[in-house]
Structure formats: structure tokens, C-alpha cells
Amino acid sequence: MFRIRIRNNKILVYAFFQVLILAAARNIIAPLVPIISGELGVGLDYIGSAIALSIFALFFVSLTTGNLIEIIGLKRVLFIGLGINFTGSLLLYFSHTFSIFIIAYFLMDLGLGMLIIGNLSIVGTLYPKNKTASLIKINIGHTTALIIAPLIVSLTLFIRVDWRYYYIFNLVPIIALAIVLWRIKIPRISRVETSLRNLFSANKRIITDPAFIICGFIIFFYTSVMNTFFVWFTSYFKSINIDINISSLFLSIFGASIFIGMLLRNKLIKHFRKKRILLFSFIVSFLFLIGVLYTDNLIAKNILIALFGIAIAGNFTMTFSIASGLFPKYTNTASGLSIAFANLGIMTFQYLSGYMSEYYSKNSVLYINISILFILIILTSFLNFHRKFDRT
């Protein structure tokens, strides 16, 4: 039993560093959006469509990877994901045209999507009683990447090095992750019959469950807020005459605030019901983001952004934990469908944010996010107070 616990902890540590390395590589693109747009000679709407297309890759794998894990096993899926991500990272080095950039970013997200589902499957399989806490520990890797990526961007701009060189160096840790994965023993636990008919029946049962649907919509809107706010952060500050190397530091502070928020969530879930924390979080985040929109003072604006980060952090983890807990026998399938909701939301609002930013105002992203947070308050109110969702 003690050996199994040690082995499982090694897998959790591996998942943490996998998320940290790959999320850092992905999130370097977001602060560079205004620069990449200029280098490739396209508008922000084109960059928004490129990001939306890459999210379609995540959407596709989220619908298929959970079932694929049931059929061929988790470890093989993780290897495939690393291989595709490696290819995308390599192509980003050569992305001097918009067509190569969009293919490279698509492949990088395709591989990353498979690895995200894999990590959720690891937690669901090995940590069923500590699902939320384990997910938070892994996602701290992603939060750390949100701090590191803008710092790398700021350093790159300061020393005037082409950002593409990072993606050549990034191949080394990807290879290291593959080697470590080859040496780690990941148990294959088969819970149910893995026939296509059985998997289709599971999908139908999950997707028609009212509690799962409302959790899915919360994930749909929440991930849209987090993703669009991060991606269009430097573009917004550029519109108020703040250089990207400075706004990247602001973005790093936002990442640090999310890190603090994740640690706080890990404490709060021990004392309060997850759906109560969700409701309170969205109300407070809504108020802080309104403050960001209407505050002109730069110091006050960044303080409010930091408070927004602390308030909004970790809500995907808690909502996912509620949703997947509804179907413990079909963790992989429920994980995939939850991520599908997330990626569908990001895909929808990334394009909308890019279009609105290009043709209307850079403030458009804030207006969109405030509107989404209001919707999230309504959804989590139903989750908390409607009798139909008592079992959550």
C-alpha cells in the first residue's frame, strides 16, 4: 500500500511538471499577440480566429480522448499527445507566415488537449477520494506557468531576441517528459466494459443529466472569461499606451494572484461546499472586474486585477470535481465532455473578442467578461438553491 502511494505521488509530480512546461510554452503566445499580429501582417481578428481554430483542436480531442483512454490506455495517449505537441513546438520556430503559425499553434493545442484529458484521468483514477485537492495541486503547475510565461516574454523583448527561439529550446523538456513517462508505471484500471456501444450509452447518459449540463455551462462560460482575459491582456494595455514589456509584468502579477487564489481554494474546500464557494467567487469577481473597467489610475487598476485573479481562481477545478463526481464509473468520459464544454466556450469567445477588439474597442473584452460573469452568477445560483441540484 505504501509503495502504491509513493508511485501515485510520482505520477502526480510528473503531471505537475508536464502542465508547467507545456502551459508555459502555450501561454507565451498570448502576451505577444500585438507583436505577432504586426509581424505576420494580419489583424487581431485573424489572430483571434487562429486561437479559436486551435481551441477547436482541444474541443475535438476532448470529445474523443476520454474514450480513447478507455480503449488503448492512458500511457499511450500521453505519448501521442507529447509527440503532437513536439511537432507543433518545432513548427512554431518556422512560423514566419500566418499559415505556418496557425498550423503550428493548432498542433501544439491538439497535443496539449490530449495531455489535459490524460491528467484529469490520472486524478480520477488514482485520487478518487482527493479529486479536488489533487486537481488543484496539478493546476498549480498551470498557474505557475501563467507567472513564468509573461516574464519570459518581458525578458525576450528586453534583450531583443526573436520569441521563436524559445520553441526550439522547448523541445528539450518535451523530450525529457517523454523519457520520464517511459520510466513511470501508470496502472490501467478498467471500470466498465469498453465496447463502443457501452461508451456511446455512457456519453448519452452523462450529457442528458441536468446537473451535468448546468456544470457544463458553468465550465463553458468560466473558461471563456479566464482565457480571453489572459490572451487579450496586453492588447488592452497597449490601447492605453502601456508597452508590452511592461504589461507582461502586469500579466505575471495577475498569474501570481491566481496562484494565491488556488492555494486559498485548497483551504476553503475543507470548510465550505464547493458550489457555495463558486457563487461567492463569481459575485466578487464581477464587482472587481467592473472596478477594473472604470478605474483610470494604473496602480488601482492593477490592484483590482490582482484581487480579481484571487477571486476567480480555481473555479474550473471545483466545477469539474462536481461534474465528474456525478458519474464515478465513467470518469474518463465525463472528463472529456467537461473539457469539451470548456473548449467550445473558449472557441466561441476568442473569435468574438478578437473581432470586437479589432473593429470596436480593446475594452470589448472587459465588457464581454463582465456579461459572462453575470450569467455565471445566475447559473451558480440555480446550482445552489434549486432542489433539482441538491445532490451536487
Protein backbone atom coordinates (compact mmCIF):
# COMPACT_ATOMS: atom_id res chain seq x y z
CA MET A 1 0.00 0.00 0.00
CA PHE A 2 2.87 2.36 0.90
CA ARG A 3 4.60 1.60 -2.41
CA ILE A 4 1.41 2.32 -4.35
CA ARG A 5 1.09 5.67 -2.58
CA ILE A 6 4.70 6.61 -3.44
CA ARG A 7 4.19 5.56 -7.07
CA ASN A 8 0.99 7.58 -7.28
CA ASN A 9 2.75 10.64 -5.82
CA LYS A 10 5.44 10.32 -8.50
CA ILE A 11 2.72 10.36 -11.15
CA LEU A 12 1.18 13.47 -9.56
CA VAL A 13 4.59 15.22 -9.56
CA TYR A 14 5.09 14.23 -13.21
CA ALA A 15 1.67 15.64 -14.12
CA PHE A 16 2.54 18.89 -12.32
CA PHE A 17 5.77 19.42 -14.30
CA GLN A 18 4.13 18.34 -17.55
CA VAL A 19 1.46 21.03 -17.11
CA LEU A 20 4.05 23.62 -16.05
CA ILE A 21 6.30 23.09 -19.10
CA LEU A 22 3.61 22.80 -21.76
CA ALA A 23 1.38 25.57 -20.38
CA ALA A 24 4.34 27.95 -20.23
CA ALA A 25 5.07 27.27 -23.91
CA ARG A 26 1.44 27.85 -24.87
CA ASN A 27 0.92 30.98 -22.77
CA ILE A 28 3.93 32.79 -24.18
CA ILE A 29 1.86 33.45 -27.31
CA ALA A 30 -0.86 35.46 -25.51
CA PRO A 31 1.24 38.48 -24.40
CA LEU A 32 2.85 38.54 -27.86
CA VAL A 33 -0.44 38.83 -29.75
CA PRO A 34 0.07 42.50 -30.78
CA ILE A 35 3.65 41.77 -31.95
CA ILE A 36 2.76 38.56 -33.79
CA SER A 37 -0.13 40.37 -35.47
CA GLY A 38 2.28 43.02 -36.76
CA GLU A 39 4.99 40.54 -37.84
CA LEU A 40 2.57 38.37 -39.79
CA GLY A 41 0.73 41.38 -41.25
CA VAL A 42 -2.74 40.36 -40.06
CA GLY A 43 -5.36 41.99 -37.83
CA LEU A 44 -6.38 40.96 -34.33
CA ASP A 45 -9.47 39.29 -35.78
CA TYR A 46 -7.18 36.90 -37.70
CA ILE A 47 -5.18 36.12 -34.56
CA GLY A 48 -8.48 35.55 -32.75
CA SER A 49 -9.57 33.12 -35.46
CA ALA A 50 -6.20 31.30 -35.24
CA ILE A 51 -6.64 30.87 -31.49
CA ALA A 52 -10.27 29.80 -31.99
CA LEU A 53 -9.15 27.17 -34.52
CA SER A 54 -6.55 25.85 -32.10
CA ILE A 55 -9.26 25.60 -29.47
CA PHE A 56 -11.25 23.52 -31.97
CA ALA A 57 -8.35 21.05 -31.72
CA LEU A 58 -8.89 20.97 -27.96
CA PHE A 59 -12.63 20.59 -28.48
CA PHE A 60 -12.10 17.64 -30.84
CA VAL A 61 -9.75 15.75 -28.51
CA SER A 62 -11.98 16.47 -25.52
CA LEU A 63 -14.80 14.59 -27.26
CA THR A 64 -12.59 11.65 -28.25
CA THR A 65 -9.66 11.28 -25.84
CA GLY A 66 -11.68 10.07 -22.85
CA ASN A 67 -13.00 7.18 -24.92
CA LEU A 68 -9.55 6.60 -26.48
CA ILE A 69 -8.05 6.22 -22.99
CA GLU A 70 -10.66 3.58 -22.19
CA ILE A 71 -9.67 1.63 -25.33
CA ILE A 72 -5.84 1.92 -25.70
CA GLY A 73 -4.80 3.06 -22.21
CA LEU A 74 -3.68 6.30 -20.60
CA LYS A 75 0.07 5.98 -21.16
CA ARG A 76 -0.19 5.55 -24.93
CA VAL A 77 -2.47 8.57 -25.18
CA LEU A 78 0.05 10.66 -23.20
CA PHE A 79 2.84 9.62 -25.60
CA ILE A 80 0.72 10.57 -28.62
CA GLY A 81 -0.06 13.94 -27.03
CA LEU A 82 3.62 14.67 -26.34
CA GLY A 83 4.53 13.73 -29.94
CA ILE A 84 1.94 16.06 -31.45
CA ASN A 85 2.91 18.88 -29.07
CA PHE A 86 6.59 18.38 -30.04
CA THR A 87 5.68 18.80 -33.72
CA GLY A 88 3.69 21.98 -33.04
CA SER A 89 6.52 23.49 -31.00
CA LEU A 90 9.04 22.73 -33.76
CA LEU A 91 6.82 24.34 -36.42
CA LEU A 92 6.37 27.49 -34.31
CA TYR A 93 10.10 28.13 -34.75
CA PHE A 94 9.48 28.33 -38.51
CA SER A 95 6.23 30.33 -38.24
CA HIS A 96 7.17 33.37 -40.34
CA THR A 97 3.86 33.23 -42.22
CA PHE A 98 0.31 33.18 -40.91
CA SER A 99 -0.41 29.78 -42.49
CA ILE A 100 2.51 28.07 -40.72
CA PHE A 101 1.67 29.84 -37.46
CA ILE A 102 -1.93 28.66 -37.49
CA ILE A 103 -0.93 25.03 -38.26
CA ALA A 104 1.79 25.04 -35.59
CA TYR A 105 -0.46 26.51 -32.91
CA PHE A 106 -3.23 24.09 -33.87
CA LEU A 107 -0.91 21.07 -33.44
CA MET A 108 0.51 22.35 -30.16
CA ASP A 109 -3.00 22.70 -28.73
CA LEU A 110 -4.07 19.33 -30.17
CA GLY A 111 -1.27 17.60 -28.26
CA LEU A 112 -1.87 19.68 -25.16
CA GLY A 113 -5.56 18.77 -25.21
CA MET A 114 -4.78 15.05 -25.09
CA LEU A 115 -2.43 15.63 -22.16
CA ILE A 116 -5.03 17.69 -20.28
CA ILE A 117 -7.57 14.86 -20.52
CA GLY A 118 -4.81 12.47 -19.50
CA ASN A 119 -4.10 14.46 -16.33
CA LEU A 120 -7.80 14.55 -15.45
CA SER A 121 -7.90 10.79 -15.97
CA ILE A 122 -4.87 10.36 -13.66
CA VAL A 123 -6.68 12.23 -10.90
CA GLY A 124 -9.97 10.41 -11.45
CA THR A 125 -8.26 7.01 -11.45
CA LEU A 126 -5.67 7.35 -8.69
CA TYR A 127 -7.18 10.00 -6.40
CA PRO A 128 -10.96 9.44 -6.37
CA LYS A 129 -11.29 10.50 -2.70
CA ASN A 130 -9.00 13.52 -3.03
CA LYS A 131 -10.04 14.62 -6.52
CA THR A 132 -10.41 18.36 -5.95
CA ALA A 133 -7.24 18.76 -3.86
CA SER A 134 -5.21 16.69 -6.36
CA LEU A 135 -6.53 18.69 -9.31
CA ILE A 136 -5.61 21.93 -7.56
CA LYS A 137 -2.06 20.63 -6.97
CA ILE A 138 -1.65 19.78 -10.67
CA ASN A 139 -3.23 23.06 -11.78
CA ILE A 140 -0.77 24.99 -9.63
CA GLY A 141 1.65 23.95 -12.39
CA HIS A 142 -0.54 25.80 -14.90
CA THR A 143 -0.83 28.78 -12.58
CA THR A 144 2.95 28.88 -12.17
CA ALA A 145 3.19 28.89 -15.97
CA LEU A 146 0.92 31.95 -16.04
CA ILE A 147 3.52 33.72 -13.91
CA ILE A 148 6.58 32.47 -15.82
CA ALA A 149 5.34 32.95 -19.40
CA PRO A 150 4.86 36.76 -19.23
CA LEU A 151 8.26 37.09 -17.50
CA ILE A 152 9.87 35.17 -20.37
CA VAL A 153 8.12 37.48 -22.85
CA SER A 154 9.30 40.58 -20.98
CA LEU A 155 12.89 39.23 -20.88
CA THR A 156 12.78 38.31 -24.57
CA LEU A 157 11.66 41.80 -25.53
CA PHE A 158 14.24 43.39 -23.21
CA ILE A 159 17.22 41.51 -24.71
CA ARG A 160 15.67 41.73 -28.21
CA VAL A 161 15.69 38.04 -29.07
CA ASP A 162 13.21 36.54 -31.53
CA TRP A 163 10.46 34.82 -29.49
CA ARG A 164 10.57 31.84 -31.88
CA TYR A 165 13.89 30.64 -30.43
CA TYR A 166 12.07 29.65 -27.25
CA TYR A 167 10.24 26.89 -29.11
CA ILE A 168 13.50 25.24 -30.19
CA PHE A 169 14.70 25.18 -26.56
CA ASN A 170 11.25 23.92 -25.52
CA LEU A 171 11.86 20.67 -27.42
CA VAL A 172 14.40 19.59 -24.77
CA PRO A 173 11.96 19.47 -21.81
CA ILE A 174 9.34 17.77 -24.03
CA ILE A 175 11.85 15.00 -24.81
CA ALA A 176 12.68 14.81 -21.07
CA LEU A 177 8.95 14.42 -20.28
CA ALA A 178 8.70 11.56 -22.78
CA ILE A 179 11.70 9.78 -21.21
CA VAL A 180 10.29 10.13 -17.69
CA LEU A 181 6.87 8.95 -18.89
CA TRP A 182 8.51 5.85 -20.41
CA ARG A 183 10.01 5.01 -16.99
CA ILE A 184 6.87 5.66 -14.92
CA LYS A 185 4.42 2.83 -14.35
CA ILE A 186 0.86 4.07 -14.74
CA PRO A 187 -1.74 1.48 -13.70
CA ARG A 188 -4.52 0.72 -16.13
CA ILE A 189 -7.79 0.40 -14.26
CA SER A 190 -10.74 -0.81 -16.28
CA ARG A 191 -14.01 0.09 -14.57
CA VAL A 192 -16.52 -0.80 -17.22
CA GLU A 193 -16.83 -2.72 -20.45
CA THR A 194 -15.07 -0.65 -23.11
CA SER A 195 -17.19 -1.52 -26.13
CA LEU A 196 -18.23 1.29 -28.45
CA ARG A 197 -21.90 0.63 -27.64
CA ASN A 198 -21.21 0.92 -23.91
CA LEU A 199 -19.22 4.15 -24.37
CA PHE A 200 -21.96 5.67 -26.53
CA SER A 201 -24.54 4.79 -23.88
CA ALA A 202 -22.36 6.41 -21.20
CA ASN A 203 -21.99 9.58 -23.27
CA LYS A 204 -25.75 9.82 -23.76
CA ARG A 205 -26.46 9.27 -20.07
CA ILE A 206 -23.96 11.91 -18.96
CA ILE A 207 -24.85 14.61 -21.49
CA THR A 208 -28.58 14.41 -20.69
CA ASP A 209 -28.15 14.71 -16.92
CA PRO A 210 -29.47 18.16 -15.75
CA ALA A 211 -26.80 18.58 -13.04
CA PHE A 212 -24.02 17.74 -15.50
CA ILE A 213 -25.48 20.15 -18.08
CA ILE A 214 -25.50 23.12 -15.68
CA CYS A 215 -21.94 22.28 -14.57
CA GLY A 216 -21.03 22.10 -18.26
CA PHE A 217 -22.40 25.58 -18.90
CA ILE A 218 -20.55 26.95 -15.87
CA ILE A 219 -17.34 25.48 -17.31
CA PHE A 220 -18.28 26.84 -20.78
CA PHE A 221 -18.52 30.42 -19.52
CA TYR A 222 -15.84 30.33 -16.82
CA THR A 223 -13.03 29.11 -19.06
CA SER A 224 -14.06 31.74 -21.62
CA VAL A 225 -13.52 34.50 -19.07
CA MET A 226 -10.14 33.18 -17.94
CA ASN A 227 -8.83 32.52 -21.44
CA THR A 228 -9.94 35.74 -23.13
CA PHE A 229 -8.82 37.91 -20.20
CA PHE A 230 -5.31 36.40 -20.35
CA VAL A 231 -4.96 36.37 -24.15
CA TRP A 232 -6.12 39.96 -24.74
CA PHE A 233 -4.50 41.40 -21.61
CA THR A 234 -1.50 43.06 -23.29
CA SER A 235 -3.64 44.23 -26.22
CA TYR A 236 -5.90 46.05 -23.77
CA PHE A 237 -2.96 47.76 -22.05
CA LYS A 238 -1.41 48.65 -25.41
CA SER A 239 -4.61 50.57 -26.19
CA ILE A 240 -3.94 52.74 -23.11
CA ASN A 241 -0.31 53.29 -24.18
CA ILE A 242 1.43 50.72 -21.95
CA ASP A 243 4.31 48.87 -23.67
CA ILE A 244 4.12 45.08 -23.94
CA ASN A 245 7.29 44.51 -21.88
CA ILE A 246 5.60 46.41 -19.02
CA SER A 247 2.12 44.93 -19.43
CA SER A 248 3.72 41.46 -19.49
CA LEU A 249 4.94 42.15 -15.96
CA PHE A 250 1.38 43.16 -15.02
CA LEU A 251 0.19 39.87 -16.54
CA SER A 252 2.73 38.00 -14.42
CA ILE A 253 1.31 39.69 -11.32
CA PHE A 254 -2.15 38.52 -12.42
CA GLY A 255 -0.74 34.98 -12.71
CA ALA A 256 0.71 35.27 -9.19
CA SER A 257 -2.69 36.34 -7.88
CA ILE A 258 -4.26 33.24 -9.46
CA PHE A 259 -1.57 31.16 -7.73
CA ILE A 260 -2.57 32.69 -4.38
CA GLY A 261 -6.22 32.08 -5.22
CA MET A 262 -5.53 28.40 -5.96
CA LEU A 263 -3.81 27.97 -2.58
CA LEU A 264 -6.75 29.70 -0.90
CA ARG A 265 -9.22 27.38 -2.67
CA ASN A 266 -7.31 24.37 -1.34
CA LYS A 267 -8.07 25.62 2.19
CA LEU A 268 -11.64 26.73 1.58
CA ILE A 269 -12.86 23.41 0.15
CA LYS A 270 -12.16 21.82 3.54
CA HIS A 271 -14.67 24.11 5.24
CA PHE A 272 -17.31 25.07 2.66
CA ARG A 273 -19.33 23.32 -0.05
CA LYS A 274 -17.78 23.77 -3.48
CA LYS A 275 -20.90 25.25 -5.05
CA ARG A 276 -21.13 27.88 -2.28
CA ILE A 277 -17.54 28.94 -3.00
CA LEU A 278 -18.36 29.15 -6.71
CA LEU A 279 -21.27 31.53 -6.17
CA PHE A 280 -19.36 33.81 -3.81
CA SER A 281 -16.36 33.80 -6.19
CA PHE A 282 -18.37 34.90 -9.24
CA ILE A 283 -20.16 37.70 -7.33
CA VAL A 284 -16.87 39.14 -6.01
CA SER A 285 -15.12 38.71 -9.40
CA PHE A 286 -17.98 40.52 -11.13
CA LEU A 287 -17.56 43.53 -8.82
CA PHE A 288 -13.76 43.62 -9.13
CA LEU A 289 -13.87 43.47 -12.95
CA ILE A 290 -16.33 46.37 -13.09
CA GLY A 291 -13.81 48.27 -10.99
CA VAL A 292 -11.03 47.43 -13.47
CA LEU A 293 -13.11 48.77 -16.35
CA TYR A 294 -13.98 52.10 -14.74
CA THR A 295 -10.72 52.84 -12.89
CA ASP A 296 -8.20 55.03 -14.73
CA ASN A 297 -5.45 55.00 -12.09
CA LEU A 298 -2.88 52.38 -13.18
CA ILE A 299 -1.93 51.29 -9.65
CA ALA A 300 -5.56 50.90 -8.58
CA LYS A 301 -6.32 49.06 -11.83
CA ASN A 302 -3.56 46.50 -11.18
CA ILE A 303 -4.63 46.04 -7.55
CA LEU A 304 -8.17 45.30 -8.73
CA ILE A 305 -6.82 42.90 -11.40
CA ALA A 306 -4.85 41.06 -8.70
CA LEU A 307 -7.94 40.83 -6.46
CA PHE A 308 -9.93 39.62 -9.48
CA GLY A 309 -7.32 36.89 -10.04
CA ILE A 310 -7.51 35.73 -6.41
CA ALA A 311 -11.32 35.70 -6.51
CA ILE A 312 -11.73 33.91 -9.86
CA ALA A 313 -9.00 31.26 -9.49
CA GLY A 314 -9.68 27.54 -9.24
CA ASN A 315 -13.33 27.50 -10.24
CA PHE A 316 -12.83 25.12 -13.15
CA THR A 317 -11.29 22.58 -10.78
CA MET A 318 -14.22 22.73 -8.38
CA THR A 319 -16.87 22.63 -11.10
CA PHE A 320 -15.12 19.73 -12.81
CA SER A 321 -14.95 17.89 -9.48
CA ILE A 322 -18.71 18.33 -9.02
CA ALA A 323 -19.48 17.22 -12.60
CA SER A 324 -17.20 14.17 -12.70
CA GLY A 325 -18.37 13.11 -9.23
CA LEU A 326 -21.84 12.57 -10.68
CA PHE A 327 -20.51 9.61 -12.74
CA PRO A 328 -17.65 7.89 -10.84
CA LYS A 329 -17.75 4.84 -13.16
CA TYR A 330 -17.18 6.98 -16.24
CA THR A 331 -14.52 9.44 -15.06
CA ASN A 332 -12.63 9.49 -18.38
CA THR A 333 -15.77 10.10 -20.44
CA ALA A 334 -17.10 12.76 -18.03
CA SER A 335 -13.67 14.43 -18.06
CA GLY A 336 -13.66 14.59 -21.85
CA LEU A 337 -17.16 16.05 -22.04
CA SER A 338 -16.34 18.65 -19.37
CA ILE A 339 -13.30 19.78 -21.34
CA ALA A 340 -15.47 19.85 -24.47
CA PHE A 341 -17.72 22.42 -22.80
CA ALA A 342 -14.64 24.45 -21.83
CA ASN A 343 -13.12 24.44 -25.29
CA LEU A 344 -16.40 25.21 -27.03
CA GLY A 345 -16.73 28.30 -24.85
CA ILE A 346 -13.15 29.45 -25.48
CA MET A 347 -13.52 28.84 -29.22
CA THR A 348 -16.68 30.95 -29.34
CA PHE A 349 -15.48 33.89 -27.27
CA GLN A 350 -11.89 34.02 -28.56
CA TYR A 351 -13.08 34.87 -32.06
CA LEU A 352 -15.70 37.28 -30.71
CA SER A 353 -13.09 39.03 -28.54
CA GLY A 354 -10.64 39.34 -31.43
CA TYR A 355 -13.29 40.70 -33.77
CA MET A 356 -14.61 43.22 -31.22
CA SER A 357 -11.07 44.32 -30.29
CA GLU A 358 -10.11 44.88 -33.93
CA TYR A 359 -13.22 46.73 -35.11
CA TYR A 360 -14.67 48.33 -31.97
CA SER A 361 -12.65 48.75 -28.77
CA LYS A 362 -9.97 46.93 -26.78
CA ASN A 363 -12.34 47.40 -23.81
CA SER A 364 -14.72 44.98 -25.54
CA VAL A 365 -13.07 42.02 -23.80
CA LEU A 366 -13.87 43.50 -20.39
CA TYR A 367 -17.50 44.16 -21.37
CA ILE A 368 -17.81 40.58 -22.63
CA ASN A 369 -16.25 39.12 -19.47
CA ILE A 370 -18.45 41.21 -17.14
CA SER A 371 -21.54 39.99 -19.02
CA ILE A 372 -20.36 36.37 -18.77
CA LEU A 373 -19.73 36.72 -15.02
CA PHE A 374 -23.31 37.93 -14.57
CA ILE A 375 -24.53 34.79 -16.37
CA LEU A 376 -22.28 32.66 -14.12
CA ILE A 377 -23.86 34.23 -11.03
CA ILE A 378 -27.29 33.16 -12.32
CA LEU A 379 -26.12 29.61 -13.16
CA THR A 380 -24.40 29.03 -9.80
CA SER A 381 -27.46 30.43 -8.01
CA PHE A 382 -29.52 27.67 -9.66
CA LEU A 383 -26.87 25.13 -8.71
CA ASN A 384 -27.02 26.27 -5.07
CA PHE A 385 -30.71 26.86 -4.48
CA HIS A 386 -32.76 24.73 -6.91
CA ARG A 387 -33.97 21.45 -5.41
CA LYS A 388 -33.09 19.54 -8.59
CA PHE A 389 -29.38 20.04 -7.83
CA ASP A 390 -29.35 19.05 -4.16
CA ARG A 391 -27.13 16.03 -4.89
CA THR A 392 -24.31 18.30 -6.06
